N, C-alpha and C. Protein backbone atom coordinates (compact mmCIF):
# COMPACT_ATOMS: atom_id res chain seq x y z
N MET A 1 17.21 -2.83 -18.37
CA MET A 1 17.91 -3.72 -17.44
C MET A 1 17.68 -3.24 -16.01
N SER A 2 17.23 -4.14 -15.12
CA SER A 2 16.93 -3.76 -13.76
C SER A 2 18.22 -3.61 -12.96
N LEU A 3 18.19 -2.68 -12.02
CA LEU A 3 19.34 -2.44 -11.18
C LEU A 3 19.33 -3.40 -10.00
N PRO A 4 20.50 -3.82 -9.51
CA PRO A 4 20.53 -4.70 -8.34
C PRO A 4 20.03 -3.98 -7.11
N PRO A 5 19.46 -4.69 -6.15
CA PRO A 5 18.97 -4.04 -4.94
C PRO A 5 20.13 -3.49 -4.11
N THR A 6 19.85 -2.43 -3.37
CA THR A 6 20.81 -1.86 -2.43
C THR A 6 20.48 -2.35 -1.04
N ILE A 7 21.48 -2.86 -0.34
CA ILE A 7 21.27 -3.42 1.00
C ILE A 7 21.93 -2.50 2.02
N ARG A 8 21.13 -2.07 3.01
CA ARG A 8 21.66 -1.18 4.04
C ARG A 8 21.35 -1.75 5.44
N PRO A 9 22.30 -1.64 6.36
CA PRO A 9 22.01 -2.09 7.73
C PRO A 9 20.96 -1.20 8.36
N ALA A 10 20.13 -1.80 9.22
CA ALA A 10 19.07 -1.04 9.90
C ALA A 10 18.96 -1.51 11.35
N GLY A 11 20.10 -1.60 12.01
CA GLY A 11 20.12 -2.08 13.39
C GLY A 11 20.80 -3.43 13.49
N ASP A 12 20.83 -3.97 14.71
CA ASP A 12 21.53 -5.24 14.94
C ASP A 12 20.80 -6.44 14.37
N HIS A 13 19.50 -6.31 14.14
CA HIS A 13 18.71 -7.47 13.73
C HIS A 13 17.98 -7.28 12.41
N SER A 14 18.28 -6.23 11.68
CA SER A 14 17.50 -5.96 10.47
C SER A 14 18.33 -5.30 9.39
N ILE A 15 17.83 -5.41 8.16
CA ILE A 15 18.42 -4.73 7.02
C ILE A 15 17.30 -4.09 6.21
N LEU A 16 17.65 -3.07 5.44
CA LEU A 16 16.69 -2.39 4.56
C LEU A 16 17.17 -2.58 3.12
N ILE A 17 16.30 -3.14 2.30
CA ILE A 17 16.63 -3.38 0.89
C ILE A 17 15.90 -2.34 0.06
N GLU A 18 16.64 -1.62 -0.76
CA GLU A 18 16.05 -0.64 -1.67
C GLU A 18 15.96 -1.26 -3.05
N LEU A 19 14.74 -1.22 -3.64
CA LEU A 19 14.48 -1.83 -4.93
C LEU A 19 13.99 -0.78 -5.92
N GLU A 20 13.80 -1.19 -7.17
CA GLU A 20 13.44 -0.23 -8.23
C GLU A 20 12.03 0.32 -8.10
N GLY A 21 11.12 -0.45 -7.57
CA GLY A 21 9.73 -0.01 -7.48
C GLY A 21 8.93 -0.96 -6.64
N ASN A 22 7.65 -0.64 -6.45
CA ASN A 22 6.82 -1.45 -5.57
C ASN A 22 6.53 -2.83 -6.14
N ASP A 23 6.51 -2.97 -7.47
CA ASP A 23 6.32 -4.30 -8.05
C ASP A 23 7.44 -5.24 -7.60
N ALA A 24 8.67 -4.75 -7.66
CA ALA A 24 9.81 -5.55 -7.23
C ALA A 24 9.74 -5.85 -5.73
N VAL A 25 9.29 -4.87 -4.95
CA VAL A 25 9.14 -5.07 -3.52
C VAL A 25 8.14 -6.18 -3.23
N GLN A 26 6.99 -6.14 -3.91
CA GLN A 26 5.95 -7.13 -3.65
C GLN A 26 6.38 -8.53 -4.07
N ARG A 27 7.07 -8.63 -5.21
CA ARG A 27 7.52 -9.95 -5.65
C ARG A 27 8.51 -10.56 -4.66
N LEU A 28 9.46 -9.75 -4.23
CA LEU A 28 10.46 -10.26 -3.30
C LEU A 28 9.84 -10.58 -1.94
N ALA A 29 8.95 -9.71 -1.46
CA ALA A 29 8.29 -9.94 -0.17
C ALA A 29 7.47 -11.22 -0.19
N ALA A 30 6.75 -11.47 -1.29
CA ALA A 30 5.92 -12.66 -1.38
C ALA A 30 6.77 -13.93 -1.37
N ARG A 31 7.87 -13.91 -2.08
CA ARG A 31 8.75 -15.08 -2.11
C ARG A 31 9.39 -15.32 -0.75
N LEU A 32 9.84 -14.26 -0.09
CA LEU A 32 10.45 -14.42 1.22
C LEU A 32 9.43 -14.87 2.26
N GLN A 33 8.17 -14.43 2.11
CA GLN A 33 7.11 -14.91 3.02
C GLN A 33 6.92 -16.41 2.86
N ALA A 34 7.02 -16.88 1.62
CA ALA A 34 6.81 -18.31 1.37
C ALA A 34 7.96 -19.16 1.91
N GLU A 35 9.14 -18.57 1.99
CA GLU A 35 10.32 -19.31 2.44
C GLU A 35 11.07 -18.45 3.46
N ARG A 36 10.40 -18.06 4.52
CA ARG A 36 10.95 -17.04 5.40
C ARG A 36 12.05 -17.54 6.32
N GLY A 37 12.13 -18.84 6.58
CA GLY A 37 13.21 -19.36 7.40
C GLY A 37 13.27 -18.68 8.76
N GLU A 38 14.41 -18.05 9.06
CA GLU A 38 14.61 -17.42 10.37
C GLU A 38 14.14 -15.96 10.39
N LEU A 39 13.57 -15.49 9.32
CA LEU A 39 13.07 -14.11 9.30
C LEU A 39 11.89 -13.95 10.25
N GLU A 40 11.96 -12.91 11.08
CA GLU A 40 10.89 -12.66 12.05
C GLU A 40 9.83 -11.72 11.48
N GLU A 41 10.26 -10.71 10.70
CA GLU A 41 9.34 -9.76 10.09
C GLU A 41 9.79 -9.41 8.68
N ILE A 42 8.81 -9.20 7.79
CA ILE A 42 9.05 -8.74 6.42
C ILE A 42 8.10 -7.58 6.20
N VAL A 43 8.66 -6.36 6.09
CA VAL A 43 7.83 -5.16 6.08
C VAL A 43 8.04 -4.39 4.77
N PRO A 44 7.09 -4.47 3.83
CA PRO A 44 7.22 -3.72 2.57
C PRO A 44 7.00 -2.22 2.75
N GLY A 45 7.74 -1.42 2.00
CA GLY A 45 7.51 0.00 1.86
C GLY A 45 7.24 0.29 0.39
N HIS A 46 7.24 1.56 0.00
CA HIS A 46 6.98 1.88 -1.40
C HIS A 46 8.07 1.31 -2.31
N GLN A 47 9.32 1.55 -1.97
CA GLN A 47 10.44 1.02 -2.75
C GLN A 47 11.48 0.35 -1.86
N THR A 48 11.07 -0.03 -0.68
CA THR A 48 11.99 -0.68 0.26
C THR A 48 11.34 -1.91 0.88
N LEU A 49 12.20 -2.77 1.41
CA LEU A 49 11.74 -3.95 2.12
C LEU A 49 12.61 -4.11 3.35
N LEU A 50 11.98 -4.07 4.52
CA LEU A 50 12.69 -4.24 5.78
C LEU A 50 12.61 -5.70 6.20
N LEU A 51 13.77 -6.31 6.45
CA LEU A 51 13.85 -7.68 6.92
C LEU A 51 14.38 -7.69 8.34
N VAL A 52 13.69 -8.39 9.22
CA VAL A 52 14.05 -8.43 10.64
C VAL A 52 14.25 -9.88 11.06
N TRP A 53 15.37 -10.14 11.72
CA TRP A 53 15.68 -11.47 12.26
C TRP A 53 15.57 -11.45 13.78
N ALA A 54 15.28 -12.61 14.37
CA ALA A 54 15.26 -12.72 15.82
C ALA A 54 16.69 -12.69 16.36
N ARG A 55 17.63 -13.17 15.58
CA ARG A 55 19.05 -13.15 15.97
C ARG A 55 19.74 -11.99 15.26
N GLU A 56 21.05 -11.92 15.39
CA GLU A 56 21.79 -10.87 14.71
C GLU A 56 21.67 -11.03 13.20
N THR A 57 21.77 -9.93 12.49
CA THR A 57 21.65 -9.94 11.03
C THR A 57 22.71 -10.85 10.41
N PRO A 58 22.35 -11.69 9.43
CA PRO A 58 23.34 -12.51 8.74
C PRO A 58 24.38 -11.64 8.04
N SER A 59 25.43 -12.25 7.58
CA SER A 59 26.47 -11.53 6.86
C SER A 59 25.91 -11.00 5.54
N LEU A 60 26.61 -10.02 4.97
CA LEU A 60 26.17 -9.43 3.71
C LEU A 60 26.07 -10.49 2.62
N SER A 61 27.03 -11.39 2.56
CA SER A 61 27.00 -12.43 1.53
C SER A 61 25.80 -13.35 1.71
N GLU A 62 25.44 -13.66 2.96
CA GLU A 62 24.27 -14.51 3.21
C GLU A 62 22.99 -13.79 2.79
N VAL A 63 22.90 -12.50 3.09
CA VAL A 63 21.72 -11.73 2.70
C VAL A 63 21.61 -11.65 1.19
N GLU A 64 22.73 -11.39 0.51
CA GLU A 64 22.72 -11.32 -0.95
C GLU A 64 22.29 -12.65 -1.56
N GLN A 65 22.74 -13.74 -0.98
CA GLN A 65 22.36 -15.07 -1.46
C GLN A 65 20.86 -15.30 -1.25
N LEU A 66 20.35 -14.89 -0.09
CA LEU A 66 18.93 -15.03 0.20
C LEU A 66 18.09 -14.26 -0.80
N ILE A 67 18.47 -13.01 -1.07
CA ILE A 67 17.71 -12.17 -2.00
C ILE A 67 17.81 -12.70 -3.41
N SER A 68 19.01 -13.11 -3.82
CA SER A 68 19.21 -13.62 -5.17
C SER A 68 18.37 -14.86 -5.42
N GLY A 69 18.35 -15.77 -4.46
CA GLY A 69 17.56 -16.98 -4.61
C GLY A 69 16.08 -16.70 -4.68
N ALA A 70 15.62 -15.73 -3.86
CA ALA A 70 14.20 -15.37 -3.86
C ALA A 70 13.81 -14.71 -5.17
N GLN A 71 14.68 -13.85 -5.70
CA GLN A 71 14.35 -13.15 -6.94
C GLN A 71 14.25 -14.09 -8.12
N LEU A 72 15.02 -15.16 -8.12
CA LEU A 72 15.00 -16.11 -9.23
C LEU A 72 13.66 -16.80 -9.37
N THR A 73 12.95 -16.97 -8.26
CA THR A 73 11.67 -17.68 -8.29
C THR A 73 10.47 -16.76 -8.12
N ALA A 74 10.71 -15.46 -7.95
CA ALA A 74 9.61 -14.53 -7.66
C ALA A 74 8.62 -14.43 -8.80
N GLU A 75 9.07 -14.56 -10.05
CA GLU A 75 8.16 -14.40 -11.19
C GLU A 75 7.10 -15.48 -11.23
N ALA A 76 7.33 -16.59 -10.55
CA ALA A 76 6.38 -17.70 -10.59
C ALA A 76 5.32 -17.62 -9.49
N MET A 77 5.32 -16.53 -8.73
CA MET A 77 4.36 -16.40 -7.66
C MET A 77 2.93 -16.29 -8.20
N PRO A 78 1.94 -16.88 -7.50
CA PRO A 78 0.54 -16.79 -7.96
C PRO A 78 -0.01 -15.38 -7.82
N GLU A 79 -1.15 -15.14 -8.47
CA GLU A 79 -1.81 -13.85 -8.36
C GLU A 79 -2.24 -13.61 -6.91
N PRO A 80 -2.15 -12.36 -6.43
CA PRO A 80 -2.54 -12.08 -5.05
C PRO A 80 -4.04 -12.20 -4.85
N SER A 81 -4.44 -12.42 -3.61
CA SER A 81 -5.87 -12.45 -3.29
C SER A 81 -6.45 -11.06 -3.50
N GLU A 82 -7.75 -11.01 -3.78
CA GLU A 82 -8.40 -9.73 -4.09
C GLU A 82 -9.53 -9.47 -3.11
N VAL A 83 -9.64 -8.22 -2.68
CA VAL A 83 -10.73 -7.77 -1.82
C VAL A 83 -11.55 -6.74 -2.58
N GLU A 84 -12.85 -6.84 -2.49
CA GLU A 84 -13.74 -5.88 -3.14
C GLU A 84 -14.31 -4.93 -2.10
N LEU A 85 -14.20 -3.63 -2.37
CA LEU A 85 -14.72 -2.61 -1.48
C LEU A 85 -15.79 -1.81 -2.19
N ALA A 86 -16.98 -1.73 -1.61
CA ALA A 86 -18.06 -0.92 -2.17
C ALA A 86 -17.92 0.51 -1.65
N VAL A 87 -17.95 1.46 -2.57
CA VAL A 87 -17.71 2.86 -2.20
C VAL A 87 -18.77 3.78 -2.79
N ASN A 88 -18.96 4.91 -2.14
CA ASN A 88 -19.77 6.02 -2.66
C ASN A 88 -18.84 7.19 -2.94
N TYR A 89 -19.07 7.89 -4.04
CA TYR A 89 -18.29 9.09 -4.33
C TYR A 89 -19.09 10.29 -3.86
N ASP A 90 -18.96 10.56 -2.57
CA ASP A 90 -19.75 11.60 -1.91
C ASP A 90 -18.89 12.44 -0.96
N GLY A 91 -17.58 12.46 -1.19
CA GLY A 91 -16.68 13.15 -0.29
C GLY A 91 -16.71 14.66 -0.45
N PRO A 92 -16.35 15.39 0.59
CA PRO A 92 -16.40 16.86 0.55
C PRO A 92 -15.39 17.49 -0.41
N ASP A 93 -14.36 16.76 -0.82
CA ASP A 93 -13.35 17.33 -1.73
C ASP A 93 -13.54 16.86 -3.17
N LEU A 94 -14.59 16.09 -3.44
CA LEU A 94 -14.76 15.51 -4.77
C LEU A 94 -14.81 16.57 -5.86
N ALA A 95 -15.65 17.58 -5.68
CA ALA A 95 -15.80 18.61 -6.72
C ALA A 95 -14.51 19.40 -6.92
N ALA A 96 -13.82 19.71 -5.84
CA ALA A 96 -12.59 20.49 -5.95
C ALA A 96 -11.50 19.69 -6.66
N VAL A 97 -11.38 18.41 -6.34
CA VAL A 97 -10.37 17.57 -7.00
C VAL A 97 -10.70 17.41 -8.48
N ALA A 98 -11.97 17.17 -8.79
CA ALA A 98 -12.38 17.03 -10.19
C ALA A 98 -12.07 18.31 -10.96
N GLY A 99 -12.39 19.44 -10.38
CA GLY A 99 -12.12 20.71 -11.05
C GLY A 99 -10.64 20.92 -11.29
N ALA A 100 -9.81 20.57 -10.30
CA ALA A 100 -8.37 20.72 -10.44
C ALA A 100 -7.82 19.81 -11.53
N CYS A 101 -8.49 18.67 -11.76
CA CYS A 101 -8.07 17.73 -12.80
C CYS A 101 -8.70 18.05 -14.16
N GLY A 102 -9.59 19.06 -14.20
CA GLY A 102 -10.22 19.45 -15.45
C GLY A 102 -11.30 18.52 -15.94
N ILE A 103 -11.93 17.79 -15.00
CA ILE A 103 -12.99 16.86 -15.38
C ILE A 103 -14.17 17.04 -14.43
N SER A 104 -15.28 16.38 -14.73
CA SER A 104 -16.45 16.45 -13.87
C SER A 104 -16.30 15.46 -12.71
N PRO A 105 -17.05 15.67 -11.62
CA PRO A 105 -17.03 14.69 -10.54
C PRO A 105 -17.44 13.29 -10.99
N GLU A 106 -18.39 13.23 -11.94
CA GLU A 106 -18.83 11.92 -12.43
C GLU A 106 -17.70 11.20 -13.17
N GLU A 107 -16.94 11.96 -13.96
CA GLU A 107 -15.83 11.33 -14.69
C GLU A 107 -14.72 10.92 -13.73
N LEU A 108 -14.48 11.74 -12.74
CA LEU A 108 -13.46 11.37 -11.76
C LEU A 108 -13.84 10.05 -11.08
N ALA A 109 -15.11 9.93 -10.67
CA ALA A 109 -15.56 8.69 -10.02
C ALA A 109 -15.41 7.50 -10.96
N ALA A 110 -15.79 7.67 -12.22
CA ALA A 110 -15.71 6.57 -13.18
C ALA A 110 -14.27 6.15 -13.41
N ARG A 111 -13.37 7.11 -13.53
CA ARG A 111 -11.97 6.79 -13.77
C ARG A 111 -11.31 6.19 -12.54
N HIS A 112 -11.71 6.66 -11.37
CA HIS A 112 -11.16 6.10 -10.14
C HIS A 112 -11.62 4.66 -9.95
N LEU A 113 -12.87 4.37 -10.27
CA LEU A 113 -13.40 3.01 -10.16
C LEU A 113 -12.76 2.05 -11.15
N ALA A 114 -12.37 2.56 -12.31
CA ALA A 114 -11.88 1.70 -13.39
C ALA A 114 -10.49 1.13 -13.13
N CYS A 115 -9.79 1.66 -12.15
CA CYS A 115 -8.41 1.24 -11.91
C CYS A 115 -8.35 -0.06 -11.11
N ARG A 116 -7.27 -0.78 -11.31
CA ARG A 116 -7.00 -1.99 -10.53
C ARG A 116 -5.92 -1.63 -9.50
N TYR A 117 -6.27 -1.77 -8.24
CA TYR A 117 -5.38 -1.32 -7.18
C TYR A 117 -4.66 -2.49 -6.50
N ARG A 118 -3.54 -2.16 -5.91
CA ARG A 118 -2.81 -3.12 -5.09
C ARG A 118 -2.32 -2.40 -3.84
N VAL A 119 -2.34 -3.09 -2.72
CA VAL A 119 -1.82 -2.51 -1.48
C VAL A 119 -0.30 -2.47 -1.58
N GLY A 120 0.26 -1.26 -1.71
CA GLY A 120 1.70 -1.13 -1.81
C GLY A 120 2.38 -1.38 -0.48
N PHE A 121 1.80 -0.83 0.58
CA PHE A 121 2.37 -0.99 1.92
C PHE A 121 1.37 -0.46 2.93
N ILE A 122 1.64 -0.75 4.20
CA ILE A 122 0.80 -0.30 5.31
C ILE A 122 1.58 0.75 6.09
N GLY A 123 0.92 1.86 6.45
CA GLY A 123 1.62 2.89 7.19
C GLY A 123 0.68 3.91 7.77
N PHE A 124 1.25 4.92 8.39
CA PHE A 124 0.53 6.06 8.98
C PHE A 124 -0.21 5.65 10.26
N SER A 125 -1.10 4.65 10.17
CA SER A 125 -1.81 4.15 11.34
C SER A 125 -2.14 2.68 11.08
N PRO A 126 -2.48 1.91 12.12
CA PRO A 126 -2.76 0.49 11.93
C PRO A 126 -3.84 0.26 10.87
N GLY A 127 -3.53 -0.58 9.89
CA GLY A 127 -4.49 -0.92 8.86
C GLY A 127 -4.62 0.07 7.73
N PHE A 128 -3.85 1.18 7.75
CA PHE A 128 -3.94 2.19 6.70
C PHE A 128 -3.17 1.69 5.48
N ALA A 129 -3.90 1.29 4.45
CA ALA A 129 -3.30 0.67 3.26
C ALA A 129 -3.11 1.70 2.15
N TYR A 130 -1.90 1.87 1.70
CA TYR A 130 -1.60 2.75 0.58
C TYR A 130 -1.85 1.99 -0.72
N LEU A 131 -2.87 2.40 -1.47
CA LEU A 131 -3.26 1.71 -2.69
C LEU A 131 -2.56 2.35 -3.89
N LEU A 132 -1.85 1.52 -4.66
CA LEU A 132 -1.18 1.95 -5.88
C LEU A 132 -1.95 1.45 -7.09
N GLY A 133 -1.68 2.05 -8.24
CA GLY A 133 -2.32 1.61 -9.48
C GLY A 133 -3.39 2.56 -9.98
N GLY A 134 -3.49 3.74 -9.37
CA GLY A 134 -4.51 4.69 -9.78
C GLY A 134 -4.20 5.38 -11.09
N ASP A 135 -5.18 6.07 -11.63
CA ASP A 135 -5.05 6.83 -12.86
C ASP A 135 -4.00 7.93 -12.67
N PRO A 136 -2.95 7.97 -13.50
CA PRO A 136 -1.90 8.99 -13.31
C PRO A 136 -2.39 10.42 -13.48
N ALA A 137 -3.57 10.60 -14.10
CA ALA A 137 -4.12 11.94 -14.26
C ALA A 137 -4.86 12.40 -13.00
N LEU A 138 -5.04 11.50 -12.05
CA LEU A 138 -5.76 11.83 -10.82
C LEU A 138 -4.79 11.75 -9.65
N GLN A 139 -3.91 12.73 -9.55
CA GLN A 139 -2.91 12.75 -8.49
C GLN A 139 -2.84 14.12 -7.81
N PRO A 140 -3.90 14.51 -7.12
CA PRO A 140 -3.89 15.82 -6.46
C PRO A 140 -2.92 15.82 -5.28
N PRO A 141 -2.34 16.97 -4.97
CA PRO A 141 -1.46 17.04 -3.79
C PRO A 141 -2.27 16.93 -2.51
N ARG A 142 -1.59 16.69 -1.42
CA ARG A 142 -2.26 16.70 -0.13
C ARG A 142 -2.82 18.09 0.17
N LEU A 143 -3.74 18.16 1.09
CA LEU A 143 -4.32 19.44 1.47
C LEU A 143 -3.24 20.33 2.09
N ALA A 144 -3.35 21.62 1.84
CA ALA A 144 -2.39 22.56 2.42
C ALA A 144 -2.49 22.57 3.94
N GLU A 145 -3.69 22.37 4.45
CA GLU A 145 -3.91 22.33 5.90
C GLU A 145 -4.68 21.05 6.24
N PRO A 146 -4.06 20.09 6.91
CA PRO A 146 -4.74 18.83 7.23
C PRO A 146 -5.97 19.04 8.11
N ARG A 147 -6.93 18.16 7.97
CA ARG A 147 -8.08 18.16 8.85
C ARG A 147 -7.68 17.58 10.21
N THR A 148 -8.31 18.09 11.25
CA THR A 148 -8.04 17.54 12.58
C THR A 148 -8.75 16.20 12.78
N ARG A 149 -9.79 15.95 11.97
CA ARG A 149 -10.51 14.68 12.10
C ARG A 149 -11.05 14.25 10.75
N VAL A 150 -10.65 13.04 10.35
CA VAL A 150 -11.20 12.40 9.16
C VAL A 150 -11.97 11.17 9.64
N PRO A 151 -13.21 10.99 9.21
CA PRO A 151 -13.99 9.85 9.72
C PRO A 151 -13.48 8.51 9.19
N ALA A 152 -13.67 7.48 9.97
CA ALA A 152 -13.36 6.13 9.51
C ALA A 152 -14.18 5.82 8.26
N GLY A 153 -13.56 5.17 7.30
CA GLY A 153 -14.25 4.80 6.06
C GLY A 153 -14.16 5.84 4.97
N ALA A 154 -13.50 6.97 5.23
CA ALA A 154 -13.37 8.00 4.19
C ALA A 154 -12.47 7.49 3.06
N LEU A 155 -12.93 7.63 1.83
CA LEU A 155 -12.15 7.27 0.65
C LEU A 155 -11.36 8.50 0.23
N ALA A 156 -10.05 8.36 0.12
CA ALA A 156 -9.21 9.53 -0.08
C ALA A 156 -8.14 9.28 -1.13
N ILE A 157 -7.64 10.37 -1.73
CA ILE A 157 -6.52 10.28 -2.67
C ILE A 157 -5.54 11.41 -2.37
N ALA A 158 -4.27 11.13 -2.66
CA ALA A 158 -3.21 12.13 -2.53
C ALA A 158 -2.01 11.64 -3.32
N GLY A 159 -1.55 12.43 -4.27
CA GLY A 159 -0.44 12.00 -5.11
C GLY A 159 -0.79 10.69 -5.81
N PRO A 160 0.12 9.71 -5.82
CA PRO A 160 -0.15 8.45 -6.52
C PRO A 160 -0.98 7.45 -5.72
N TYR A 161 -1.40 7.82 -4.51
CA TYR A 161 -2.06 6.87 -3.62
C TYR A 161 -3.56 7.13 -3.48
N SER A 162 -4.29 6.02 -3.24
CA SER A 162 -5.66 6.08 -2.75
C SER A 162 -5.69 5.31 -1.44
N ALA A 163 -6.69 5.55 -0.61
CA ALA A 163 -6.78 4.85 0.67
C ALA A 163 -8.19 4.98 1.22
N VAL A 164 -8.52 4.06 2.11
CA VAL A 164 -9.73 4.17 2.94
C VAL A 164 -9.24 4.28 4.38
N TYR A 165 -9.59 5.39 5.04
CA TYR A 165 -9.15 5.57 6.42
C TYR A 165 -9.74 4.46 7.30
N PRO A 166 -8.88 3.70 8.00
CA PRO A 166 -9.39 2.58 8.79
C PRO A 166 -10.05 3.00 10.10
N ARG A 167 -9.73 4.20 10.56
CA ARG A 167 -10.32 4.70 11.80
C ARG A 167 -10.30 6.23 11.77
N SER A 168 -11.06 6.84 12.65
CA SER A 168 -11.07 8.29 12.72
C SER A 168 -9.71 8.79 13.17
N SER A 169 -9.18 9.81 12.44
CA SER A 169 -7.85 10.33 12.75
C SER A 169 -7.67 11.66 12.03
N PRO A 170 -6.65 12.42 12.39
CA PRO A 170 -6.30 13.57 11.57
C PRO A 170 -5.84 13.08 10.20
N GLY A 171 -5.89 13.95 9.19
CA GLY A 171 -5.45 13.54 7.86
C GLY A 171 -5.43 14.67 6.88
N GLY A 172 -4.51 14.60 5.94
CA GLY A 172 -4.36 15.66 4.97
C GLY A 172 -4.66 15.25 3.54
N TRP A 173 -5.32 14.10 3.36
CA TRP A 173 -5.65 13.65 2.01
C TRP A 173 -6.97 14.25 1.55
N ASN A 174 -7.21 14.20 0.24
CA ASN A 174 -8.46 14.69 -0.35
C ASN A 174 -9.54 13.63 -0.20
N LEU A 175 -10.64 13.99 0.41
CA LEU A 175 -11.73 13.04 0.66
C LEU A 175 -12.72 13.07 -0.50
N ILE A 176 -12.76 11.99 -1.26
CA ILE A 176 -13.63 11.96 -2.44
C ILE A 176 -14.80 11.01 -2.28
N GLY A 177 -14.84 10.23 -1.21
CA GLY A 177 -15.95 9.29 -1.07
C GLY A 177 -15.95 8.63 0.30
N SER A 178 -16.70 7.53 0.38
CA SER A 178 -16.83 6.82 1.65
C SER A 178 -17.01 5.33 1.38
N CYS A 179 -16.68 4.54 2.40
CA CYS A 179 -16.76 3.08 2.32
C CYS A 179 -17.26 2.56 3.67
N ASP A 180 -18.27 1.68 3.64
CA ASP A 180 -18.83 1.15 4.88
C ASP A 180 -18.07 -0.06 5.41
N GLU A 181 -17.17 -0.62 4.60
CA GLU A 181 -16.43 -1.81 5.01
C GLU A 181 -15.54 -1.48 6.21
N LEU A 182 -15.49 -2.42 7.17
CA LEU A 182 -14.65 -2.24 8.35
C LEU A 182 -13.22 -2.62 7.96
N ILE A 183 -12.35 -1.62 7.84
CA ILE A 183 -10.99 -1.85 7.37
C ILE A 183 -10.08 -2.36 8.47
N PHE A 184 -10.32 -1.93 9.71
CA PHE A 184 -9.50 -2.38 10.83
C PHE A 184 -10.37 -2.65 12.03
N ASN A 185 -10.25 -3.85 12.60
CA ASN A 185 -11.07 -4.24 13.75
C ASN A 185 -10.17 -5.03 14.71
N GLU A 186 -9.85 -4.44 15.83
CA GLU A 186 -8.96 -5.08 16.79
C GLU A 186 -9.51 -6.40 17.32
N ALA A 187 -10.82 -6.59 17.23
CA ALA A 187 -11.43 -7.81 17.76
C ALA A 187 -11.29 -8.99 16.79
N GLN A 188 -10.89 -8.71 15.55
CA GLN A 188 -10.75 -9.77 14.56
C GLN A 188 -9.30 -10.24 14.47
N ASN A 189 -9.11 -11.42 13.90
CA ASN A 189 -7.78 -11.95 13.68
C ASN A 189 -7.66 -12.46 12.23
N PRO A 190 -6.90 -11.75 11.38
CA PRO A 190 -6.10 -10.56 11.68
C PRO A 190 -6.97 -9.31 11.77
N PRO A 191 -6.51 -8.29 12.48
CA PRO A 191 -7.34 -7.09 12.65
C PRO A 191 -7.47 -6.25 11.39
N ALA A 192 -6.48 -6.31 10.49
CA ALA A 192 -6.50 -5.48 9.27
C ALA A 192 -7.10 -6.27 8.11
N LEU A 193 -8.07 -5.67 7.42
CA LEU A 193 -8.68 -6.31 6.26
C LEU A 193 -7.70 -6.37 5.09
N LEU A 194 -6.88 -5.32 4.92
CA LEU A 194 -5.98 -5.22 3.79
C LEU A 194 -4.53 -5.42 4.23
N THR A 195 -3.78 -6.16 3.44
CA THR A 195 -2.37 -6.39 3.72
C THR A 195 -1.55 -6.09 2.48
N ALA A 196 -0.26 -5.82 2.67
CA ALA A 196 0.62 -5.47 1.56
C ALA A 196 0.62 -6.56 0.49
N GLY A 197 0.52 -6.13 -0.77
CA GLY A 197 0.51 -7.06 -1.89
C GLY A 197 -0.87 -7.47 -2.34
N MET A 198 -1.88 -7.25 -1.54
CA MET A 198 -3.25 -7.66 -1.86
C MET A 198 -3.82 -6.79 -2.99
N ALA A 199 -4.61 -7.39 -3.87
CA ALA A 199 -5.32 -6.66 -4.91
C ALA A 199 -6.64 -6.12 -4.34
N VAL A 200 -7.00 -4.91 -4.76
CA VAL A 200 -8.23 -4.28 -4.26
C VAL A 200 -9.03 -3.77 -5.45
N ARG A 201 -10.30 -4.13 -5.49
CA ARG A 201 -11.20 -3.65 -6.55
C ARG A 201 -12.29 -2.81 -5.91
N LEU A 202 -12.47 -1.60 -6.41
CA LEU A 202 -13.52 -0.72 -5.93
C LEU A 202 -14.75 -0.86 -6.80
N VAL A 203 -15.91 -0.95 -6.17
CA VAL A 203 -17.18 -1.02 -6.90
C VAL A 203 -18.12 0.03 -6.33
N ALA A 204 -18.97 0.58 -7.18
CA ALA A 204 -19.91 1.61 -6.72
C ALA A 204 -21.06 0.98 -5.97
N LYS A 205 -21.45 1.60 -4.88
CA LYS A 205 -22.60 1.11 -4.11
C LYS A 205 -23.89 1.49 -4.80
């Protein structure tokens, strides 16, 4: 039996909803996007959903009614759009991560490719998509000492997440490969290739 969401105030114009998991977050976010009404922003997190209004936050009863109505129809939402990213498994941490997992680099690459990913949420930097759905046996911790520079397009994993760095930045994830796809481009509209809830399929180059 699923637990009811927890609703917390988050300022004069927003509330934070805590849910059981990212699947519940994505279902509710998708339904609210389809019927957003006066909502100005809908921001998914791993297990939270931030709702922002242009006016003052509605009453608790109004918010509960909004969420309840959205949840009743969320199961009927269509499948999310899918983006395909071509990747190489040539990262500097590939061998170390494979060894820590007790497998070969080739097996790690094969198992990482075989997963079906979904963008759980966007964070850390513009366009940085946290991909969920990876192999539970491939969950290395973050690096003990972050790198001062990770190149744009680096394919990385840390804990339950995978990601492609959208731009050059510091970072503490394990770099297992690379991707030539432009993940974030300020000159495009929208600038981010990946958005929360989107399905992502990795293919070998």
